[in-house]
């Protein structure tokens, strides 16, 4: 006799995980949430009163091979925050406010304590970004994943007034690019970073370049959310023409996505000091400068595009909000 559990799927473990996470998930609920987790569909009633012409904005993403570092460190409470913040940033740069988030967690054999830590990360980030975690899928698929490994994906849905959409259409040559710092690699470039660093170091090594932090700690630095500073900028009198979330493709690749046809950008990479983790990757692997610019954010996680006349005020606004902005380039024909 062969049972479902013999084949590698543990129903009881799945039920135990749901029992554990329910209190976590409920802490993220906002007034729009109409049902508890566990039903076949998630119900959310949006508040349209603050919008004149509401438009839904959505995005889906994953954490990539940063998960491999989490497995090596046996630390699972940060990657959930990475995923939520990444997704939030993707719609925030369009001018949208997040409403709700949904996740997909897939593994070979479900470990409820690991899933709990991951979902705890979702909950922390959802609370910080004022969005609700209203549902998700946990898939236990034997033979699809190595023991102790899993994969994550997430979907965010937000809303923006149609007239307030930030899409870069008004950008012209001469506009200025202002960068805000990242907290590290965020969630991109980990295939390169792992290949380079783990050929020389272990996750517990503390190279002098990292100022006492281990390689693993530096690589697991949480992908920060830019929602608050973006909303603060959009609520000001400043002319914010475009916003770029720096993910895979680097500063230039991502910022070109919001430019009208016929325009490019010119970046002065000497205008800011790269965090030491990027120099460690470059020097350890003798990585060509072109490759590292294309694959890593190099310490800049958000680009703000403004007219030259608004540059000083935008910098001042960011500083007042606790940011460390840098004027790093301009739009060119």
Protein backbone atom coordinates (compact mmCIF):
# COMPACT_ATOMS: atom_id res chain seq x y z
CA UNK A 1 0.00 0.00 0.00
CA UNK A 2 1.35 3.42 -1.00
CA UNK A 3 -0.16 6.52 0.59
CA UNK A 4 -0.09 10.12 -0.59
CA UNK A 5 2.43 10.82 2.17
CA UNK A 6 4.61 7.97 0.90
CA UNK A 7 4.74 9.73 -2.47
CA UNK A 8 6.13 12.83 -0.78
CA UNK A 9 3.07 15.01 -0.12
CA UNK A 10 2.22 15.65 3.54
CA UNK A 11 -1.33 17.00 3.87
CA UNK A 12 -0.98 17.32 7.63
CA UNK A 13 2.14 19.49 7.25
CA UNK A 14 0.20 21.77 4.90
CA UNK A 15 -2.66 22.09 7.37
CA UNK A 16 -0.19 22.82 10.18
CA UNK A 17 1.41 25.57 8.10
CA UNK A 18 -1.95 27.23 7.44
CA UNK A 19 -2.77 27.07 11.14
CA UNK A 20 0.52 28.77 12.01
CA UNK A 21 0.36 31.53 9.44
CA UNK A 22 -3.25 32.65 9.90
CA UNK A 23 -2.44 35.04 12.79
CA UNK A 24 0.44 36.50 10.75
CA UNK A 25 -1.65 37.06 7.66
CA UNK A 26 -4.49 38.66 9.63
CA UNK A 27 -2.13 41.36 10.92
CA UNK A 28 -1.84 42.66 7.34
CA UNK A 29 -5.58 42.95 6.71
CA UNK A 30 -6.86 46.37 5.75
CA UNK A 31 -10.45 47.58 5.60
CA UNK A 32 -10.76 46.27 2.04
CA UNK A 33 -10.28 42.60 2.99
CA UNK A 34 -13.62 40.79 3.02
CA UNK A 35 -12.64 37.17 3.76
CA UNK A 36 -10.18 35.21 5.85
CA UNK A 37 -7.52 33.08 4.16
CA UNK A 38 -8.50 29.55 3.20
CA UNK A 39 -11.34 30.14 0.75
CA UNK A 40 -11.03 29.39 -2.96
CA UNK A 41 -10.79 33.07 -3.86
CA UNK A 42 -9.58 36.22 -2.09
CA UNK A 43 -12.06 39.08 -1.74
CA UNK A 44 -10.99 42.72 -1.65
CA UNK A 45 -13.21 45.81 -1.85
CA UNK A 46 -11.12 48.78 -3.05
CA UNK A 47 -11.75 52.30 -1.80
CA UNK A 48 -12.54 54.30 -4.93
CA UNK A 49 -13.50 57.47 -3.03
CA UNK A 50 -10.00 58.95 -3.12
CA UNK A 51 -9.70 58.46 -6.89
CA UNK A 52 -11.41 60.37 -9.70
CA UNK A 53 -10.54 57.95 -12.50
CA UNK A 54 -9.04 54.83 -10.87
CA UNK A 55 -6.72 52.53 -12.79
CA UNK A 56 -5.51 49.15 -11.51
CA UNK A 57 -1.76 48.55 -11.69
CA UNK A 58 -0.27 45.09 -11.17
CA UNK A 59 3.08 43.35 -11.24
CA UNK A 60 4.44 39.85 -10.68
CA UNK A 61 7.99 38.86 -9.80
CA UNK A 62 10.25 36.46 -7.92
CA UNK A 63 13.38 36.57 -5.78
CA UNK A 64 15.66 34.70 -8.18
CA UNK A 65 18.76 32.90 -7.02
CA UNK A 66 19.03 35.06 -3.92
CA UNK A 67 17.07 32.14 -2.50
CA UNK A 68 20.21 30.02 -2.83
CA UNK A 69 21.93 32.30 -0.31
CA UNK A 70 18.97 31.95 2.06
CA UNK A 71 19.28 28.15 1.79
CA UNK A 72 23.02 28.31 2.50
CA UNK A 73 22.44 30.57 5.52
CA UNK A 74 19.36 28.61 6.65
CA UNK A 75 17.68 31.99 7.07
CA UNK A 76 14.24 32.45 5.58
CA UNK A 77 12.77 35.56 7.23
CA UNK A 78 14.15 38.11 4.76
CA UNK A 79 13.32 36.77 1.28
CA UNK A 80 9.60 37.32 1.84
CA UNK A 81 10.28 41.00 2.50
CA UNK A 82 12.44 41.11 -0.61
CA UNK A 83 9.60 39.83 -2.75
CA UNK A 84 6.92 42.18 -1.43
CA UNK A 85 9.16 45.25 -1.61
CA UNK A 86 10.32 44.42 -5.12
CA UNK A 87 6.72 44.07 -6.33
CA UNK A 88 5.61 47.23 -4.50
CA UNK A 89 8.43 49.26 -6.07
CA UNK A 90 7.44 48.09 -9.54
CA UNK A 91 3.99 49.65 -9.25
CA UNK A 92 5.05 52.56 -7.02
CA UNK A 93 7.23 53.95 -9.84
CA UNK A 94 4.04 54.11 -11.92
CA UNK A 95 2.49 56.32 -9.24
CA UNK A 96 0.33 53.54 -7.75
CA UNK A 97 -0.51 52.72 -4.16
CA UNK A 98 -0.48 48.99 -3.34
CA UNK A 99 -3.75 47.40 -2.22
CA UNK A 100 -3.05 43.70 -1.86
CA UNK A 101 -0.36 41.06 -2.38
CA UNK A 102 -0.60 37.34 -3.16
CA UNK A 103 2.20 34.76 -3.04
CA UNK A 104 3.20 31.43 -4.52
CA UNK A 105 5.40 29.15 -2.39
CA UNK A 106 6.58 25.90 -3.98
CA UNK A 107 8.77 23.23 -2.41
CA UNK A 108 9.62 19.55 -2.64
CA UNK A 109 8.77 18.66 0.96
CA UNK A 110 6.97 21.22 3.09
CA UNK A 111 8.75 22.32 6.27
CA UNK A 112 6.14 24.36 8.19
CA UNK A 113 8.75 26.28 10.19
CA UNK A 114 10.52 27.42 7.00
CA UNK A 115 7.26 28.42 5.32
CA UNK A 116 6.30 30.31 8.48
CA UNK A 117 9.49 32.37 8.36
CA UNK A 118 9.00 33.19 4.68
CA UNK A 119 5.39 34.24 5.20
CA UNK A 120 6.38 36.22 8.26
CA UNK A 121 8.57 38.22 5.89
CA UNK A 122 5.58 38.77 3.59
CA UNK A 123 3.57 40.00 6.56
CA UNK A 124 6.24 42.41 7.82
CA UNK A 125 6.64 44.01 4.40
CA UNK A 126 2.90 44.16 3.72
CA UNK A 127 2.35 46.02 6.98
CA UNK A 128 5.20 48.42 6.18
CA UNK A 129 3.76 49.08 2.72
CA UNK A 130 0.16 49.31 4.00
CA UNK A 131 -1.12 46.52 1.76
CA UNK A 132 -2.93 43.33 2.63
CA UNK A 133 -1.67 39.78 2.21
CA UNK A 134 -4.97 38.27 1.11
CA UNK A 135 -4.04 34.87 -0.26
CA UNK A 136 -1.52 32.59 -1.84
CA UNK A 137 -0.69 29.09 -2.98
CA UNK A 138 1.51 26.54 -1.26
CA UNK A 139 2.58 23.75 -3.59
CA UNK A 140 4.34 20.61 -2.37
CA UNK A 141 5.90 18.90 -5.39
CA UNK A 142 8.23 15.96 -4.66
CA UNK A 143 11.22 15.55 -6.98
CA UNK A 144 10.83 19.09 -8.38
CA UNK A 145 13.09 20.75 -5.78
CA UNK A 146 16.14 19.66 -3.82
CA UNK A 147 15.70 18.90 -0.14
CA UNK A 148 15.44 22.13 1.84
CA UNK A 149 14.82 24.32 -1.21
CA UNK A 150 11.78 26.23 -2.43
CA UNK A 151 10.77 28.91 -4.93
CA UNK A 152 8.76 32.10 -4.49
CA UNK A 153 6.68 34.34 -6.69
CA UNK A 154 4.38 37.20 -5.83
CA UNK A 155 1.72 39.41 -7.37
CA UNK A 156 0.89 42.94 -6.26
CA UNK A 157 -2.20 44.92 -7.23
CA UNK A 158 -2.47 48.66 -6.68
CA UNK A 159 -4.35 51.68 -7.90
CA UNK A 160 -3.61 55.13 -9.30
CA UNK A 161 -5.67 57.96 -10.75
CA UNK A 162 -5.34 57.90 -14.51
CA UNK A 163 -4.24 61.54 -14.53
CA UNK A 164 -1.52 60.75 -11.96
CA UNK A 165 0.13 57.87 -13.83
CA UNK A 166 3.91 58.27 -14.06
CA UNK A 167 4.99 56.86 -17.42
CA UNK A 168 7.87 59.06 -18.60
CA UNK A 169 6.00 60.51 -21.56
CA UNK A 170 6.92 64.08 -20.60
CA UNK A 171 10.66 63.39 -20.34
CA UNK A 172 12.81 65.51 -22.67
CA UNK A 173 16.52 65.92 -23.37
CA UNK A 174 18.17 67.92 -20.61
CA UNK A 175 16.14 66.43 -17.77
CA UNK A 176 18.19 65.36 -14.76
CA UNK A 177 18.56 61.92 -13.18
CA UNK A 178 18.67 61.73 -9.38
CA UNK A 179 19.49 58.41 -7.73
CA UNK A 180 18.52 57.07 -4.31
CA UNK A 181 20.62 54.41 -2.59
CA UNK A 182 19.89 50.71 -2.60
CA UNK A 183 20.42 48.53 0.46
CA UNK A 184 22.63 46.17 -1.51
CA UNK A 185 22.07 43.91 -4.51
CA UNK A 186 18.32 43.89 -3.81
CA UNK A 187 17.04 40.87 -5.79
CA UNK A 188 19.09 40.93 -8.98
CA UNK A 189 22.51 39.78 -10.15
CA UNK A 190 22.79 36.87 -7.72
CA UNK A 191 23.84 34.33 -10.33
CA UNK A 192 26.91 36.47 -11.01
CA UNK A 193 27.49 37.32 -7.34
CA UNK A 194 27.26 33.69 -6.20
CA UNK A 195 29.52 32.38 -8.96
CA UNK A 196 32.17 34.97 -8.12
CA UNK A 197 32.03 35.14 -4.34
CA UNK A 198 31.47 31.48 -3.49
CA UNK A 199 34.43 30.46 -5.59
CA UNK A 200 36.54 32.22 -2.95
CA UNK A 201 34.46 32.72 0.19
CA UNK A 202 31.89 30.90 2.30
CA UNK A 203 28.72 32.60 3.55
CA UNK A 204 30.33 33.03 6.99
CA UNK A 205 33.56 34.65 5.79
CA UNK A 206 34.06 38.31 6.68
CA UNK A 207 36.34 39.93 4.07
CA UNK A 208 37.79 43.24 5.30
CA UNK A 209 35.92 45.06 2.53
CA UNK A 210 32.60 44.24 4.21
CA UNK A 211 33.37 46.06 7.49
CA UNK A 212 32.65 43.14 9.79
CA UNK A 213 29.66 41.72 7.93
CA UNK A 214 29.75 38.24 6.52
CA UNK A 215 29.35 37.52 2.82
CA UNK A 216 26.00 35.87 3.52
CA UNK A 217 24.69 38.79 5.58
CA UNK A 218 25.71 41.28 2.91
CA UNK A 219 24.02 39.28 0.16
CA UNK A 220 20.81 38.86 2.18
CA UNK A 221 20.40 42.61 2.81
CA UNK A 222 16.68 43.26 2.35
CA UNK A 223 15.49 44.82 -0.90
CA UNK A 224 14.20 48.18 0.33
CA UNK A 225 10.83 49.72 -0.47
CA UNK A 226 10.73 53.19 -2.04
CA UNK A 227 6.98 53.62 -1.65
CA UNK A 228 7.08 56.31 1.04
CA UNK A 229 9.63 58.58 -0.63
CA UNK A 230 7.88 58.16 -4.00
CA UNK A 231 4.51 59.13 -2.56
CA UNK A 232 6.10 62.05 -0.75
CA UNK A 233 7.65 63.30 -4.00
CA UNK A 234 4.40 62.92 -5.92
CA UNK A 235 2.49 64.81 -3.24
CA UNK A 236 4.89 67.75 -3.54
CA UNK A 237 4.85 70.56 -6.08
CA UNK A 238 7.85 69.05 -7.85
CA UNK A 239 7.59 67.98 -11.47
CA UNK A 240 8.37 64.27 -11.25
CA UNK A 241 8.51 63.16 -14.90
CA UNK A 242 9.67 59.60 -14.47
CA UNK A 243 10.68 56.98 -11.92
CA UNK A 244 12.81 53.90 -12.55
CA UNK A 245 13.15 50.89 -10.24
CA UNK A 246 16.67 49.52 -10.79
CA UNK A 247 16.44 45.74 -11.13
CA UNK A 248 17.89 43.30 -13.66
CA UNK A 249 19.47 45.29 -16.47
CA UNK A 250 21.12 47.86 -14.22
CA UNK A 251 20.71 51.61 -14.08
CA UNK A 252 20.82 52.22 -17.82
CA UNK A 253 18.74 49.24 -18.91
CA UNK A 254 15.89 50.00 -16.53
CA UNK A 255 15.85 53.76 -16.99
CA UNK A 256 15.69 53.44 -20.77
CA UNK A 257 12.35 51.63 -20.28
CA UNK A 258 10.62 54.90 -19.35
CA UNK A 259 12.18 57.14 -22.03
CA UNK A 260 10.25 58.35 -25.08
CA UNK A 261 11.65 57.27 -28.46
CA UNK A 262 14.75 59.14 -29.57
CA UNK A 263 16.12 59.73 -26.06
CA UNK A 264 18.94 58.13 -24.10
CA UNK A 265 20.73 58.71 -20.83
CA UNK A 266 24.22 59.70 -19.83
CA UNK A 267 25.42 58.39 -16.45
CA UNK A 268 28.48 59.60 -14.56
CA UNK A 269 29.41 56.53 -12.51
CA UNK A 270 31.95 58.54 -10.51
CA UNK A 271 29.30 60.65 -8.76
CA UNK A 272 28.60 58.17 -5.97
CA UNK A 273 30.56 55.67 -3.91
CA UNK A 274 29.59 52.09 -4.57
CA UNK A 275 28.85 49.98 -1.49
CA UNK A 276 31.74 47.63 -0.77
CA UNK A 277 29.87 44.47 -1.76
CA UNK A 278 29.91 45.59 -5.40
CA UNK A 279 33.65 46.24 -5.40
CA UNK A 280 34.20 42.86 -3.75
CA UNK A 281 32.28 41.14 -6.55
CA UNK A 282 34.06 43.10 -9.28
CA UNK A 283 37.55 42.61 -7.89
CA UNK A 284 37.18 38.98 -6.79
CA UNK A 285 35.90 37.86 -10.17
CA UNK A 286 37.74 40.42 -12.30
CA UNK A 287 34.27 41.22 -13.70
CA UNK A 288 34.30 43.60 -16.68
CA UNK A 289 32.82 47.01 -15.89
CA UNK A 290 30.25 46.64 -18.67
CA UNK A 291 28.98 43.36 -17.17
CA UNK A 292 28.72 44.70 -13.65
CA UNK A 293 26.79 47.76 -14.85
CA UNK A 294 24.32 45.57 -16.73
CA UNK A 295 23.73 43.03 -13.97
CA UNK A 296 23.87 45.00 -10.68
CA UNK A 297 22.34 48.20 -9.34
CA UNK A 298 25.75 49.35 -8.02
CA UNK A 299 24.17 51.00 -5.00
CA UNK A 300 21.37 52.90 -6.74
CA UNK A 301 17.87 51.44 -6.40
CA UNK A 302 15.66 54.24 -7.69
CA UNK A 303 16.07 56.91 -10.37
CA UNK A 304 13.99 60.09 -10.32
CA UNK A 305 13.72 62.12 -13.53
CA UNK A 306 13.03 65.85 -13.12
CA UNK A 307 13.52 69.05 -15.13
CA UNK A 308 16.86 70.71 -14.49
CA UNK A 309 15.01 73.61 -12.83
CA UNK A 310 13.60 71.24 -10.17
CA UNK A 311 16.88 69.47 -9.41
CA UNK A 312 17.90 71.37 -6.29
CA UNK A 313 14.43 71.25 -4.76
CA UNK A 314 14.10 67.54 -5.44
CA UNK A 315 17.44 66.85 -3.78
CA UNK A 316 16.41 68.98 -0.79
CA UNK A 317 13.09 67.16 -0.52
CA UNK A 318 14.83 63.77 -0.50
CA UNK A 319 17.38 64.88 2.10
CA UNK A 320 14.59 66.18 4.33
CA UNK A 321 12.97 62.75 4.05
CA UNK A 322 16.15 61.05 5.28
CA UNK A 323 17.47 59.98 1.88
CA UNK A 324 20.96 60.41 0.43
CA UNK A 325 20.25 61.49 -3.15
CA UNK A 326 22.89 61.88 -5.84
CA UNK A 327 22.67 63.69 -9.16
CA UNK A 328 24.18 61.09 -11.45
CA UNK A 329 23.27 61.92 -15.02
CA UNK A 330 20.91 63.44 -17.52
CA UNK A 331 18.66 62.64 -20.45
CA UNK A 332 20.19 63.13 -23.87
CA UNK A 333 18.88 63.15 -27.43
